[in-house]
C-alpha atoms as a PDB file:
ATOM      1  CA  MET A   1      57.170  96.414  90.150  1.00  0.00           C
ATOM      2  CA  ASN A   2      60.035  95.290  92.160  1.00  0.00           C
ATOM      3  CA  THR A   3      58.794  94.049  96.182  1.00  0.00           C
ATOM      4  CA  PRO A   4      60.793  94.904  99.021  1.00  0.00           C
ATOM      5  CA  ALA A   5      62.802  92.831 100.714  1.00  0.00           C
ATOM      6  CA  LYS A   6      60.984  90.372 102.910  1.00  0.00           C
ATOM      7  CA  VAL A   7      60.862  90.489 106.747  1.00  0.00           C
ATOM      8  CA  LEU A   8      61.613  86.924 108.461  1.00  0.00           C
ATOM      9  CA  THR A   9      59.560  87.395 111.050  1.00  0.00           C
ATOM     10  CA  SER A  10      60.503  83.412 112.705  1.00  0.00           C
ATOM     11  CA  ALA A  11      62.128  83.635 115.582  1.00  0.00           C
ATOM     12  CA  LYS A  12      64.453  80.862 114.304  1.00  0.00           C
ATOM     13  CA  PRO A  13      67.790  81.056 113.487  1.00  0.00           C
ATOM     14  CA  LEU A  14      68.502  82.544 110.112  1.00  0.00           C
ATOM     15  CA  LYS A  15      69.868  79.869 107.934  1.00  0.00           C
ATOM     16  CA  TRP A  16      73.456  80.408 106.193  1.00  0.00           C
ATOM     17  CA  ALA A  17      75.065  78.209 103.441  1.00  0.00           C
ATOM     18  CA  VAL A  18      78.263  79.343 102.467  1.00  0.00           C
ATOM     19  CA  LEU A  19      80.307  79.064  98.765  1.00  0.00           C
ATOM     20  CA  GLY A  20      83.763  77.778  99.497  1.00  0.00           C
ATOM     21  CA  THR A  21      85.567  76.013 101.234  1.00  0.00           C
ATOM     22  CA  GLY A  22      89.161  77.727 102.245  1.00  0.00           C
ATOM     23  CA  SER A  23      90.094  78.963 105.658  1.00  0.00           C
ATOM     24  CA  ILE A  24      87.707  81.790 105.513  1.00  0.00           C
ATOM     25  CA  ALA A  25      84.967  79.785 105.003  1.00  0.00           C
ATOM     26  CA  THR A  26      86.481  77.689 107.647  1.00  0.00           C
ATOM     27  CA  THR A  27      86.328  80.748 110.112  1.00  0.00           C
ATOM     28  CA  PHE A  28      82.647  81.372 109.317  1.00  0.00           C
ATOM     29  CA  ALA A  29      81.659  78.003 109.805  1.00  0.00           C
ATOM     30  CA  ASN A  30      83.348  78.044 113.329  1.00  0.00           C
ATOM     31  CA  ASP A  31      82.501  82.051 114.961  1.00  0.00           C
ATOM     32  CA  ILE A  32      78.797  81.713 113.431  1.00  0.00           C
ATOM     33  CA  GLN A  33      78.284  79.291 116.416  1.00  0.00           C
ATOM     34  CA  LEU A  34      79.483  81.763 118.550  1.00  0.00           C
ATOM     35  CA  THR A  35      76.217  83.697 117.693  1.00  0.00           C
ATOM     36  CA  LYS A  36      72.433  83.243 118.455  1.00  0.00           C
ATOM     37  CA  ASN A  37      70.223  84.283 114.988  1.00  0.00           C
ATOM     38  CA  ALA A  38      71.980  82.397 112.655  1.00  0.00           C
ATOM     39  CA  ALA A  39      73.320  78.800 111.421  1.00  0.00           C
ATOM     40  CA  LEU A  40      74.817  77.186 108.872  1.00  0.00           C
ATOM     41  CA  VAL A  41      73.063  74.304 107.582  1.00  0.00           C
ATOM     42  CA  ALA A  42      74.816  74.127 103.745  1.00  0.00           C
ATOM     43  CA  VAL A  43      77.908  74.053 101.726  1.00  0.00           C
ATOM     44  CA  CYS A  44      78.656  74.328  98.284  1.00  0.00           C
ATOM     45  CA  SER A  45      81.829  73.928  96.265  1.00  0.00           C
ATOM     46  CA  ARG A  46      83.437  73.036  92.993  1.00  0.00           C
ATOM     47  CA  THR A  47      84.327  69.778  94.579  1.00  0.00           C
ATOM     48  CA  ALA A  48      82.597  67.087  95.842  1.00  0.00           C
ATOM     49  CA  GLU A  49      85.188  65.599  97.652  1.00  0.00           C
ATOM     50  CA  ALA A  50      85.552  69.078  99.460  1.00  0.00           C
ATOM     51  CA  ALA A  51      82.287  69.760 100.331  1.00  0.00           C
ATOM     52  CA  ILE A  52      81.817  66.198 101.892  1.00  0.00           C
ATOM     53  CA  THR A  53      84.757  67.165 103.922  1.00  0.00           C
ATOM     54  CA  PHE A  54      83.809  70.608 105.076  1.00  0.00           C
ATOM     55  CA  SER A  55      80.269  69.483 106.151  1.00  0.00           C
ATOM     56  CA  ASN A  56      81.442  66.011 107.911  1.00  0.00           C
ATOM     57  CA  ARG A  57      83.553  69.093 110.042  1.00  0.00           C
ATOM     58  CA  PHE A  58      81.028  70.911 110.490  1.00  0.00           C
ATOM     59  CA  GLY A  59      78.006  68.840 111.685  1.00  0.00           C
ATOM     60  CA  GLY A  60      76.736  67.629 108.632  1.00  0.00           C
ATOM     61  CA  LEU A  61      75.651  70.423 106.917  1.00  0.00           C
ATOM     62  CA  ARG A  62      73.245  69.626 103.670  1.00  0.00           C
ATOM     63  CA  ILE A  63      75.757  69.556 100.105  1.00  0.00           C
ATOM     64  CA  ILE A  64      74.307  71.858  97.503  1.00  0.00           C
ATOM     65  CA  THR A  65      76.575  71.043  94.528  1.00  0.00           C
ATOM     66  CA  ASP A  66      76.278  74.171  92.151  1.00  0.00           C
ATOM     67  CA  ILE A  67      75.333  77.963  92.690  1.00  0.00           C
ATOM     68  CA  ASP A  68      72.097  78.006  90.131  1.00  0.00           C
ATOM     69  CA  SER A  69      70.950  75.289  92.505  1.00  0.00           C
ATOM     70  CA  LEU A  70      71.577  77.321  95.895  1.00  0.00           C
ATOM     71  CA  ALA A  71      70.125  80.624  94.580  1.00  0.00           C
ATOM     72  CA  ALA A  72      66.735  79.420  93.876  1.00  0.00           C
ATOM     73  CA  ASP A  73      67.065  76.644  97.322  1.00  0.00           C
ATOM     74  CA  PRO A  74      63.851  78.443  99.161  1.00  0.00           C
ATOM     75  CA  LEU A  75      65.838  76.614 102.556  1.00  0.00           C
ATOM     76  CA  ILE A  76      68.493  79.002 102.629  1.00  0.00           C
ATOM     77  CA  ASP A  77      68.314  82.343 104.262  1.00  0.00           C
ATOM     78  CA  ALA A  78      71.709  83.798 102.654  1.00  0.00           C
ATOM     79  CA  VAL A  79      74.818  83.091 101.497  1.00  0.00           C
ATOM     80  CA  TYR A  80      78.440  84.159 102.454  1.00  0.00           C
ATOM     81  CA  LEU A  81      80.382  84.095  99.560  1.00  0.00           C
ATOM     82  CA  ALA A  82      84.101  82.760 100.494  1.00  0.00           C
ATOM     83  CA  THR A  83      85.491  82.615  96.967  1.00  0.00           C
ATOM     84  CA  PRO A  84      88.661  84.060  95.109  1.00  0.00           C
ATOM     85  CA  ASN A  85      87.978  87.768  94.410  1.00  0.00           C
ATOM     86  CA  THR A  86      87.684  87.730  90.977  1.00  0.00           C
ATOM     87  CA  ALA A  87      85.042  85.195  91.055  1.00  0.00           C
ATOM     88  CA  HIS A  88      83.132  87.123  93.496  1.00  0.00           C
ATOM     89  CA  PHE A  89      81.518  89.810  90.935  1.00  0.00           C
ATOM     90  CA  GLU A  90      79.655  87.013  88.763  1.00  0.00           C
ATOM     91  CA  GLN A  91      78.703  84.904  91.780  1.00  0.00           C
ATOM     92  CA  ALA A  92      76.844  87.718  93.556  1.00  0.00           C
ATOM     93  CA  ARG A  93      75.522  88.892  90.257  1.00  0.00           C
ATOM     94  CA  THR A  94      73.838  84.850  90.066  1.00  0.00           C
ATOM     95  CA  LEU A  95      72.172  85.516  93.786  1.00  0.00           C
ATOM     96  CA  LEU A  96      70.931  88.897  93.804  1.00  0.00           C
ATOM     97  CA  ASN A  97      69.399  88.083  90.108  1.00  0.00           C
ATOM     98  CA  ALA A  98      67.500  85.589  92.350  1.00  0.00           C
ATOM     99  CA  GLY A  99      66.810  87.317  95.148  1.00  0.00           C
ATOM    100  CA  LYS A 100      69.583  85.868  97.684  1.00  0.00           C
ATOM    101  CA  PRO A 101      70.653  88.226 100.142  1.00  0.00           C
ATOM    102  CA  VAL A 102      74.715  87.619 100.197  1.00  0.00           C
ATOM    103  CA  LEU A 103      77.710  88.658 101.988  1.00  0.00           C
ATOM    104  CA  ILE A 104      80.624  89.352 100.350  1.00  0.00           C
ATOM    105  CA  GLU A 105      84.294  88.173 101.561  1.00  0.00           C
ATOM    106  CA  LYS A 106      86.782  91.105 100.933  1.00  0.00           C
ATOM    107  CA  PRO A 107      87.702  92.552  98.849  1.00  0.00           C
ATOM    108  CA  LEU A 108      83.797  92.709  97.571  1.00  0.00           C
ATOM    109  CA  VAL A 109      85.298  92.754  94.261  1.00  0.00           C
ATOM    110  CA  THR A 110      88.227  93.597  91.920  1.00  0.00           C
ATOM    111  CA  THR A 111      86.943  97.063  90.738  1.00  0.00           C
ATOM    112  CA  ALA A 112      84.656  99.496  91.320  1.00  0.00           C
ATOM    113  CA  ALA A 113      82.431  99.905  88.375  1.00  0.00           C
ATOM    114  CA  GLN A 114      81.636  95.850  89.927  1.00  0.00           C
ATOM    115  CA  ALA A 115      81.126  97.434  93.243  1.00  0.00           C
ATOM    116  CA  ARG A 116      78.618 100.210  91.285  1.00  0.00           C
ATOM    117  CA  ALA A 117      77.298  97.530  89.102  1.00  0.00           C
ATOM    118  CA  LEU A 118      76.841  95.211  92.121  1.00  0.00           C
ATOM    119  CA  ALA A 119      74.986  98.223  94.533  1.00  0.00           C
ATOM    120  CA  GLY A 120      72.441  98.786  91.480  1.00  0.00           C
ATOM    121  CA  LEU A 121      71.548  94.902  91.017  1.00  0.00           C
ATOM    122  CA  ALA A 122      71.161  95.357  94.677  1.00  0.00           C
ATOM    123  CA  ALA A 123      68.824  98.231  94.817  1.00  0.00           C
ATOM    124  CA  GLU A 124      66.879  96.645  91.742  1.00  0.00           C
ATOM    125  CA  LYS A 125      65.807  93.623  93.960  1.00  0.00           C
ATOM    126  CA  GLN A 126      65.903  95.304  96.826  1.00  0.00           C
ATOM    127  CA  THR A 127      68.300  92.088  97.924  1.00  0.00           C
ATOM    128  CA  PHE A 128      70.899  92.833 100.869  1.00  0.00           C
ATOM    129  CA  ALA A 129      74.383  92.824 100.012  1.00  0.00           C
ATOM    130  CA  MET A 130      77.768  93.962 101.974  1.00  0.00           C
ATOM    131  CA  GLU A 131      81.442  93.420 101.627  1.00  0.00           C
ATOM    132  CA  GLY A 132      82.533  90.817 104.432  1.00  0.00           C
ATOM    133  CA  LEU A 133      84.820  93.234 106.121  1.00  0.00           C
ATOM    134  CA  TRP A 134      84.445  91.964 109.422  1.00  0.00           C
ATOM    135  CA  THR A 135      87.249  94.501 111.183  1.00  0.00           C
ATOM    136  CA  VAL A 136      84.245  97.022 111.421  1.00  0.00           C
ATOM    137  CA  PHE A 137      81.708  95.370 113.304  1.00  0.00           C
ATOM    138  CA  LEU A 138      84.079  94.431 115.823  1.00  0.00           C
ATOM    139  CA  PRO A 139      83.476  95.331 120.221  1.00  0.00           C
ATOM    140  CA  ALA A 140      87.022  98.021 120.075  1.00  0.00           C
ATOM    141  CA  ILE A 141      85.359  99.358 116.994  1.00  0.00           C
ATOM    142  CA  ASN A 142      82.493 100.242 118.696  1.00  0.00           C
ATOM    143  CA  HIS A 143      83.715 101.837 121.128  1.00  0.00           C
ATOM    144  CA  LEU A 144      86.331 103.731 119.426  1.00  0.00           C
ATOM    145  CA  ARG A 145      83.584 104.894 117.392  1.00  0.00           C
ATOM    146  CA  GLN A 146      82.367 106.289 121.132  1.00  0.00           C
ATOM    147  CA  LEU A 147      85.480 107.667 122.155  1.00  0.00           C
ATOM    148  CA  LEU A 148      85.539 109.758 118.684  1.00  0.00           C
ATOM    149  CA  ALA A 149      82.300 110.821 119.203  1.00  0.00           C
ATOM    150  CA  ASP A 150      82.740 111.440 122.848  1.00  0.00           C
ATOM    151  CA  GLY A 151      85.814 114.202 121.317  1.00  0.00           C
ATOM    152  CA  THR A 152      88.218 112.228 123.949  1.00  0.00           C
ATOM    153  CA  ILE A 153      91.063 113.514 122.279  1.00  0.00           C
ATOM    154  CA  GLY A 154      89.840 116.737 120.652  1.00  0.00           C
ATOM    155  CA  ALA A 155      89.924 117.784 116.940  1.00  0.00           C
ATOM    156  CA  ILE A 156      92.027 115.351 115.235  1.00  0.00           C
ATOM    157  CA  THR A 157      95.128 116.153 113.557  1.00  0.00           C
ATOM    158  CA  GLY A 158      96.165 112.976 111.915  1.00  0.00           C
ATOM    159  CA  ILE A 159      96.304 109.183 111.715  1.00  0.00           C
ATOM    160  CA  HIS A 160      98.970 106.388 110.647  1.00  0.00           C
ATOM    161  CA  ALA A 161      98.465 103.023 109.621  1.00  0.00           C
ATOM    162  CA  GLU A 162     100.230 100.108 108.533  1.00  0.00           C
ATOM    163  CA  LEU A 163      99.207  96.576 107.190  1.00  0.00           C
ATOM    164  CA  ALA A 164     102.181  94.109 105.879  1.00  0.00           C
ATOM    165  CA  TYR A 165     102.493  91.240 106.033  1.00  0.00           C
ATOM    166  CA  ALA A 166     105.793  89.449 104.735  1.00  0.00           C
ATOM    167  CA  LYS A 167     104.660  86.976 101.618  1.00  0.00           C
ATOM    168  CA  THR A 168     107.285  84.721  99.630  1.00  0.00           C
ATOM    169  CA  PHE A 169     106.711  85.512  96.278  1.00  0.00           C
ATOM    170  CA  ASP A 170     105.063  83.241  94.150  1.00  0.00           C
ATOM    171  CA  GLY A 171     103.832  84.787  90.671  1.00  0.00           C
ATOM    172  CA  ASN A 172     101.411  81.562  90.595  1.00  0.00           C
ATOM    173  CA  SER A 173      99.664  82.604  94.410  1.00  0.00           C
ATOM    174  CA  ARG A 174      96.483  84.911  95.271  1.00  0.00           C
ATOM    175  CA  PHE A 175      98.725  87.455  96.158  1.00  0.00           C
ATOM    176  CA  PHE A 176     100.967  87.574  93.510  1.00  0.00           C
ATOM    177  CA  ALA A 177      99.038  86.664  90.442  1.00  0.00           C
ATOM    178  CA  PRO A 178      97.162  89.489  88.271  1.00  0.00           C
ATOM    179  CA  SER A 179      94.954  86.800  87.620  1.00  0.00           C
ATOM    180  CA  LEU A 180      93.470  86.188  90.888  1.00  0.00           C
ATOM    181  CA  GLY A 181      92.672  89.958  91.747  1.00  0.00           C
ATOM    182  CA  GLY A 182      96.332  89.729  93.655  1.00  0.00           C
ATOM    183  CA  GLY A 183      98.647  93.095  95.069  1.00  0.00           C
ATOM    184  CA  SER A 184      99.004  94.164  98.752  1.00  0.00           C
ATOM    185  CA  LEU A 185      96.388  96.574  98.032  1.00  0.00           C
ATOM    186  CA  LEU A 186      93.289  94.383  97.889  1.00  0.00           C
ATOM    187  CA  ASP A 187      94.425  91.930 100.129  1.00  0.00           C
ATOM    188  CA  LEU A 188      95.844  94.420 102.909  1.00  0.00           C
ATOM    189  CA  GLY A 189      95.066  97.874 102.137  1.00  0.00           C
ATOM    190  CA  VAL A 190      91.196  97.727 101.777  1.00  0.00           C
ATOM    191  CA  TYR A 191      91.405  97.202 105.683  1.00  0.00           C
ATOM    192  CA  PRO A 192      92.755 100.645 106.672  1.00  0.00           C
ATOM    193  CA  ILE A 193      91.041 102.216 103.670  1.00  0.00           C
ATOM    194  CA  ALA A 194      87.786 101.148 104.440  1.00  0.00           C
ATOM    195  CA  LEU A 195      88.195 102.072 108.034  1.00  0.00           C
ATOM    196  CA  THR A 196      88.911 105.152 107.861  1.00  0.00           C
ATOM    197  CA  LEU A 197      86.081 105.328 105.280  1.00  0.00           C
ATOM    198  CA  ALA A 198      83.849 103.853 108.038  1.00  0.00           C
ATOM    199  CA  LEU A 199      85.767 106.349 110.868  1.00  0.00           C
ATOM    200  CA  PHE A 200      85.736 109.348 108.616  1.00  0.00           C
ATOM    201  CA  GLY A 201      83.333 109.217 105.498  1.00  0.00           C
ATOM    202  CA  SER A 202      85.227 110.277 102.325  1.00  0.00           C
ATOM    203  CA  PRO A 203      88.413 112.050 101.700  1.00  0.00           C
ATOM    204  CA  LYS A 204      88.489 115.368  99.810  1.00  0.00           C
ATOM    205  CA  THR A 205      92.114 114.330  98.133  1.00  0.00           C
ATOM    206  CA  THR A 206      93.486 111.024  97.757  1.00  0.00           C
ATOM    207  CA  THR A 207      97.602 110.455  96.616  1.00  0.00           C
ATOM    208  CA  GLY A 208      99.865 107.765  97.251  1.00  0.00           C
ATOM    209  CA  ARG A 209     102.417 105.641  95.408  1.00  0.00           C
ATOM    210  CA  TRP A 210     103.750 101.924  95.054  1.00  0.00           C
ATOM    211  CA  SER A 211     105.723  99.413  94.049  1.00  0.00           C
ATOM    212  CA  ALA A 212     105.603  96.642  91.835  1.00  0.00           C
ATOM    213  CA  ALA A 213     106.128  93.223  91.835  1.00  0.00           C
ATOM    214  CA  SER A 214     107.861  90.940  89.077  1.00  0.00           C
ATOM    215  CA  THR A 215     104.187  90.101  87.850  1.00  0.00           C
ATOM    216  CA  GLY A 216     102.858  94.098  87.890  1.00  0.00           C
ATOM    217  CA  VAL A 217     100.710  93.399  91.087  1.00  0.00           C
ATOM    218  CA  ASP A 218     101.517  95.926  94.218  1.00  0.00           C
ATOM    219  CA  MET A 219     103.901  94.422  96.015  1.00  0.00           C
ATOM    220  CA  SER A 220     103.685  97.878  98.623  1.00  0.00           C
ATOM    221  CA  ALA A 221     101.732 100.757  98.917  1.00  0.00           C
ATOM    222  CA  ASP A 222     101.969 104.380 100.934  1.00  0.00           C
ATOM    223  CA  VAL A 223      97.625 105.844 100.593  1.00  0.00           C
ATOM    224  CA  ALA A 224      97.130 109.509 101.611  1.00  0.00           C
ATOM    225  CA  LEU A 225      93.451 110.519 102.208  1.00  0.00           C
ATOM    226  CA  GLY A 226      93.287 114.493 102.193  1.00  0.00           C
ATOM    227  CA  TYR A 227      90.475 115.296 105.274  1.00  0.00           C
ATOM    228  CA  ASP A 228      89.523 118.798 106.445  1.00  0.00           C
ATOM    229  CA  GLY A 229      92.167 120.198 108.874  1.00  0.00           C
ATOM    230  CA  PHE A 230      94.105 116.261 109.184  1.00  0.00           C
ATOM    231  CA  GLN A 231      95.525 113.375 106.323  1.00  0.00           C
ATOM    232  CA  ALA A 232      95.297 109.859 107.006  1.00  0.00           C
ATOM    233  CA  ARG A 233      98.662 107.972 106.142  1.00  0.00           C
ATOM    234  CA  LEU A 234      98.236 104.761 104.949  1.00  0.00           C
ATOM    235  CA  SER A 235     100.315 101.894 103.816  1.00  0.00           C
ATOM    236  CA  CYS A 236      99.918  98.227 103.225  1.00  0.00           C
ATOM    237  CA  GLY A 237     102.834  95.709 101.831  1.00  0.00           C
ATOM    238  CA  PHE A 238     103.939  92.102 101.046  1.00  0.00           C
ATOM    239  CA  ASP A 239     107.245  92.802 101.483  1.00  0.00           C
ATOM    240  CA  ARG A 240     107.804  93.497 105.796  1.00  0.00           C
ATOM    241  CA  ASN A 241     106.041  92.502 108.579  1.00  0.00           C
ATOM    242  CA  GLY A 242     105.009  95.816 109.858  1.00  0.00           C
ATOM    243  CA  ALA A 243     103.463  97.604 113.173  1.00  0.00           C
ATOM    244  CA  ASN A 244     100.240  96.683 112.231  1.00  0.00           C
ATOM    245  CA  ARG A 245      98.934  99.741 114.547  1.00  0.00           C
ATOM    246  CA  PHE A 246      95.802 102.077 113.198  1.00  0.00           C
ATOM    247  CA  ILE A 247      96.580 105.093 115.191  1.00  0.00           C
ATOM    248  CA  ILE A 248      94.259 108.574 116.039  1.00  0.00           C
ATOM    249  CA  GLU A 249      96.208 111.670 116.817  1.00  0.00           C
ATOM    250  CA  GLY A 250      94.353 114.097 118.320  1.00  0.00           C
ATOM    251  CA  GLU A 251      94.722 117.814 120.071  1.00  0.00           C
ATOM    252  CA  THR A 252      94.618 115.904 123.600  1.00  0.00           C
ATOM    253  CA  GLY A 253      95.905 112.772 122.778  1.00  0.00           C
ATOM    254  CA  SER A 254      96.593 110.170 120.494  1.00  0.00           C
ATOM    255  CA  LEU A 255      93.937 106.392 120.364  1.00  0.00           C
ATOM    256  CA  VAL A 256      95.549 103.171 119.173  1.00  0.00           C
ATOM    257  CA  ILE A 257      94.754 100.065 117.789  1.00  0.00           C
ATOM    258  CA  ASP A 258      96.776  98.161 119.057  1.00  0.00           C
ATOM    259  CA  ALA A 259      98.738  95.432 116.426  1.00  0.00           C
ATOM    260  CA  PRO A 260      96.965  93.800 114.553  1.00  0.00           C
ATOM    261  CA  PHE A 261      94.307  96.535 114.310  1.00  0.00           C
ATOM    262  CA  LEU A 262      92.710  94.081 111.698  1.00  0.00           C
ATOM    263  CA  ARG A 263      92.016  91.853 114.613  1.00  0.00           C
ATOM    264  CA  ALA A 264      90.882  94.652 117.126  1.00  0.00           C
ATOM    265  CA  SER A 265      90.998  93.622 120.697  1.00  0.00           C
ATOM    266  CA  ARG A 266      92.887  96.841 122.562  1.00  0.00           C
ATOM    267  CA  ILE A 267      92.086 100.868 122.917  1.00  0.00           C
ATOM    268  CA  ILE A 268      95.180 102.261 123.927  1.00  0.00           C
ATOM    269  CA  LEU A 269      94.321 106.152 125.022  1.00  0.00           C
ATOM    270  CA  THR A 270      97.990 107.736 125.369  1.00  0.00           C
ATOM    271  CA  ARG A 271      98.050 111.523 126.434  1.00  0.00           C
ATOM    272  CA  ASN A 272     101.308 112.431 126.464  1.00  0.00           C
ATOM    273  CA  ARG A 273     104.223 111.188 124.103  1.00  0.00           C
ATOM    274  CA  ILE A 274     106.069 109.425 126.754  1.00  0.00           C
ATOM    275  CA  ALA A 275     103.530 107.598 127.526  1.00  0.00           C
ATOM    276  CA  HIS A 276     102.165 106.637 123.451  1.00  0.00           C
ATOM    277  CA  HIS A 277     107.032 105.626 123.270  1.00  0.00           C
ATOM    278  CA  LEU A 278     106.188 103.601 125.775  1.00  0.00           C
ATOM    279  CA  ALA A 279     103.047 101.894 125.233  1.00  0.00           C
ATOM    280  CA  VAL A 280     103.528 102.153 121.248  1.00  0.00           C
ATOM    281  CA  PRO A 281     106.906 101.738 120.195  1.00  0.00           C
ATOM    282  CA  SER A 282     107.992 102.548 116.613  1.00  0.00           C
ATOM    283  CA  GLY A 283     109.535  99.089 116.206  1.00  0.00           C
ATOM    284  CA  SER A 284     107.957  95.711 115.112  1.00  0.00           C
ATOM    285  CA  SER A 285     110.736  93.594 116.682  1.00  0.00           C
ATOM    286  CA  ARG A 286     110.072  91.272 119.334  1.00  0.00           C
ATOM    287  CA  LEU A 287     112.143  93.564 121.659  1.00  0.00           C
ATOM    288  CA  SER A 288     110.011  96.278 120.453  1.00  0.00           C
ATOM    289  CA  ARG A 289     106.449  94.339 121.326  1.00  0.00           C
ATOM    290  CA  ALA A 290     107.964  92.913 124.298  1.00  0.00           C
ATOM    291  CA  ALA A 291     108.561  96.451 125.841  1.00  0.00           C
ATOM    292  CA  GLY A 292     105.477  97.646 124.608  1.00  0.00           C
ATOM    293  CA  LYS A 293     103.466  94.951 126.278  1.00  0.00           C
ATOM    294  CA  LEU A 294     105.261  95.373 128.951  1.00  0.00           C
ATOM    295  CA  ALA A 295     105.028  99.100 129.385  1.00  0.00           C
ATOM    296  CA  ARG A 296     100.882  98.602 128.868  1.00  0.00           C
ATOM    297  CA  ARG A 297     100.629  96.283 132.121  1.00  0.00           C
ATOM    298  CA  LEU A 298     102.166  99.096 134.415  1.00  0.00           C
ATOM    299  CA  PRO A 299     100.004 101.946 135.586  1.00  0.00           C
ATOM    300  CA  LEU A 300     101.227 104.674 133.309  1.00  0.00           C
ATOM    301  CA  PRO A 301     100.234 108.489 134.116  1.00  0.00           C
ATOM    302  CA  GLY A 302      98.693 109.481 131.018  1.00  0.00           C
ATOM    303  CA  LEU A 303      97.631 106.038 129.924  1.00  0.00           C
ATOM    304  CA  THR A 304      94.213 104.339 129.154  1.00  0.00           C
ATOM    305  CA  VAL A 305      94.179 100.497 128.212  1.00  0.00           C
ATOM    306  CA  TYR A 306      90.533  99.449 127.289  1.00  0.00           C
ATOM    307  CA  ARG A 307      90.623  95.956 126.205  1.00  0.00           C
ATOM    308  CA  HIS A 308      87.699  94.028 124.305  1.00  0.00           C
ATOM    309  CA  GLY A 309      88.644  90.354 123.964  1.00  0.00           C
ATOM    310  CA  PHE A 310      86.230  88.049 121.722  1.00  0.00           C
ATOM    311  CA  PRO A 311      85.894  84.509 121.908  1.00  0.00           C
ATOM    312  CA  GLY A 312      87.053  82.665 118.144  1.00  0.00           C
ATOM    313  CA  ASP A 313      87.895  84.640 115.234  1.00  0.00           C
ATOM    314  CA  GLY A 314      85.471  87.761 115.227  1.00  0.00           C
ATOM    315  CA  LEU A 315      84.125  86.909 112.331  1.00  0.00           C
ATOM    316  CA  GLN A 316      80.721  86.007 114.862  1.00  0.00           C
ATOM    317  CA  PHE A 317      80.113  90.333 115.176  1.00  0.00           C
ATOM    318  CA  GLU A 318      79.715  91.008 111.392  1.00  0.00           C
ATOM    319  CA  ILE A 319      77.354  87.723 110.704  1.00  0.00           C
ATOM    320  CA  ALA A 320      75.357  88.683 113.629  1.00  0.00           C
ATOM    321  CA  ALA A 321      75.355  92.245 112.681  1.00  0.00           C
ATOM    322  CA  VAL A 322      74.410  90.924 109.246  1.00  0.00           C
ATOM    323  CA  SER A 323      71.707  88.626 109.840  1.00  0.00           C
ATOM    324  CA  ARG A 324      70.098  91.281 111.965  1.00  0.00           C
ATOM    325  CA  ALA A 325      69.659  93.565 109.130  1.00  0.00           C
ATOM    326  CA  ILE A 326      68.492  90.792 106.994  1.00  0.00           C
ATOM    327  CA  LEU A 327      65.882  89.716 109.751  1.00  0.00           C
ATOM    328  CA  ALA A 328      64.505  93.252 109.348  1.00  0.00           C
ATOM    329  CA  GLY A 329      64.229  93.698 105.981  1.00  0.00           C
ATOM    330  CA  GLN A 330      66.983  96.045 105.311  1.00  0.00           C
ATOM    331  CA  GLN A 331      68.763  96.059 102.289  1.00  0.00           C
ATOM    332  CA  GLN A 332      72.180  97.303 103.473  1.00  0.00           C
ATOM    333  CA  GLN A 333      73.937  97.871 107.064  1.00  0.00           C
ATOM    334  CA  PRO A 334      74.625 101.225 107.271  1.00  0.00           C
ATOM    335  CA  GLU A 335      78.472 100.325 108.963  1.00  0.00           C
ATOM    336  CA  MET A 336      79.212  98.892 105.530  1.00  0.00           C
ATOM    337  CA  PRO A 337      77.344 100.081 102.456  1.00  0.00           C
ATOM    338  CA  LEU A 338      77.864  99.166  99.509  1.00  0.00           C
ATOM    339  CA  SER A 339      78.708 102.892  97.955  1.00  0.00           C
ATOM    340  CA  MET A 340      81.793 103.063 100.773  1.00  0.00           C
ATOM    341  CA  SER A 341      82.942  99.409  98.798  1.00  0.00           C
ATOM    342  CA  ALA A 342      82.843 101.259  95.644  1.00  0.00           C
ATOM    343  CA  GLU A 343      84.740 104.376  97.005  1.00  0.00           C
ATOM    344  CA  ALA A 344      87.596 102.447  98.673  1.00  0.00           C
ATOM    345  CA  LEU A 345      87.851 100.164  95.429  1.00  0.00           C
ATOM    346  CA  GLY A 346      88.694 103.333  93.211  1.00  0.00           C
ATOM    347  CA  ILE A 347      90.984 104.873  96.064  1.00  0.00           C
ATOM    348  CA  ILE A 348      92.942 101.890  95.190  1.00  0.00           C
ATOM    349  CA  GLU A 349      92.397 102.519  91.511  1.00  0.00           C
ATOM    350  CA  THR A 350      93.376 105.965  91.812  1.00  0.00           C
ATOM    351  CA  ILE A 351      96.690 105.005  93.329  1.00  0.00           C
ATOM    352  CA  ARG A 352      97.091 101.962  91.404  1.00  0.00           C
ATOM    353  CA  SER A 353      97.047 104.686  88.372  1.00  0.00           C
ATOM    354  CA  LEU A 354      99.921 105.827  89.461  1.00  0.00           C
ATOM    355  CA  PRO A 355     103.375 104.809  87.382  1.00  0.00           C
ATOM    356  CA  PRO A 356     104.710 102.659  90.320  1.00  0.00           C
ATOM    357  CA  SER A 357     108.230 104.339  92.275  1.00  0.00           C
END
């Protein structure tokens, strides 16, 4: 018989280890210092040199030499996986089988089947697991949820979101190599898809299109999710630098998560088209950005700007939320359940199953 996930009643912060030493591991190590209920105490890496450098950079973290030792370590309460996409599934399985809670950097895994398998294993072991999609936990997104719940813009009539950053093609990079889980949908598209699911639930229909890089992965993609009364039109790509906003249109106005929306720090409420076009210009050029920035500082009728700046890079809100859940003995975080991660991957697979355009 499985025992429930233990409740950690200690007043001390949750003790984390990070698996991996790349850029996102560094961001995690920096931002965890901005939390009160979590502390980074150890690092695990494939190479001793990388682990030593990382450890010294963050105050002498304990070095753990392999994942099996990490899984069995009684002094580690939770593990953050900051490794390549294609390593997530096996690493998470090893940790969950040992009853070790895991936060897995996005994308959770590379297929919906793997996501469902991890969800089943986490439930069997009654151990916490979550995809690390930090945007969902930012203060601006919490405020956006409240604005929507209050009916601030009336019934929703449409969603438009873009996340695109130009990448120089390199067939061996993690962005373009199939063996490394490459493609714009897994790297970028997961953000607008997951945020749409988090705010509006499961769509009734999924359609779209994608274009292929020479390696066969998606260079860009368009996704259309159908809901009752509106569509969410989402796009991503390595072929351009996009406007990178998330726009929710309603009967009485629009709510805009300003660029870059994955790092949401500003919500713009517009009540008329003039205010919207001035504060949220359609272009992504330097001139357009400057004009929009100026308009947002002016007292325009029909325009309200909500600012939610934060120190660091923003992972601290996710870390704090996950730590609270683990300390309370919860197996999932309600804002980011594993079922939602599996659904997002299923949407990506639906788009990729279509012939490239």
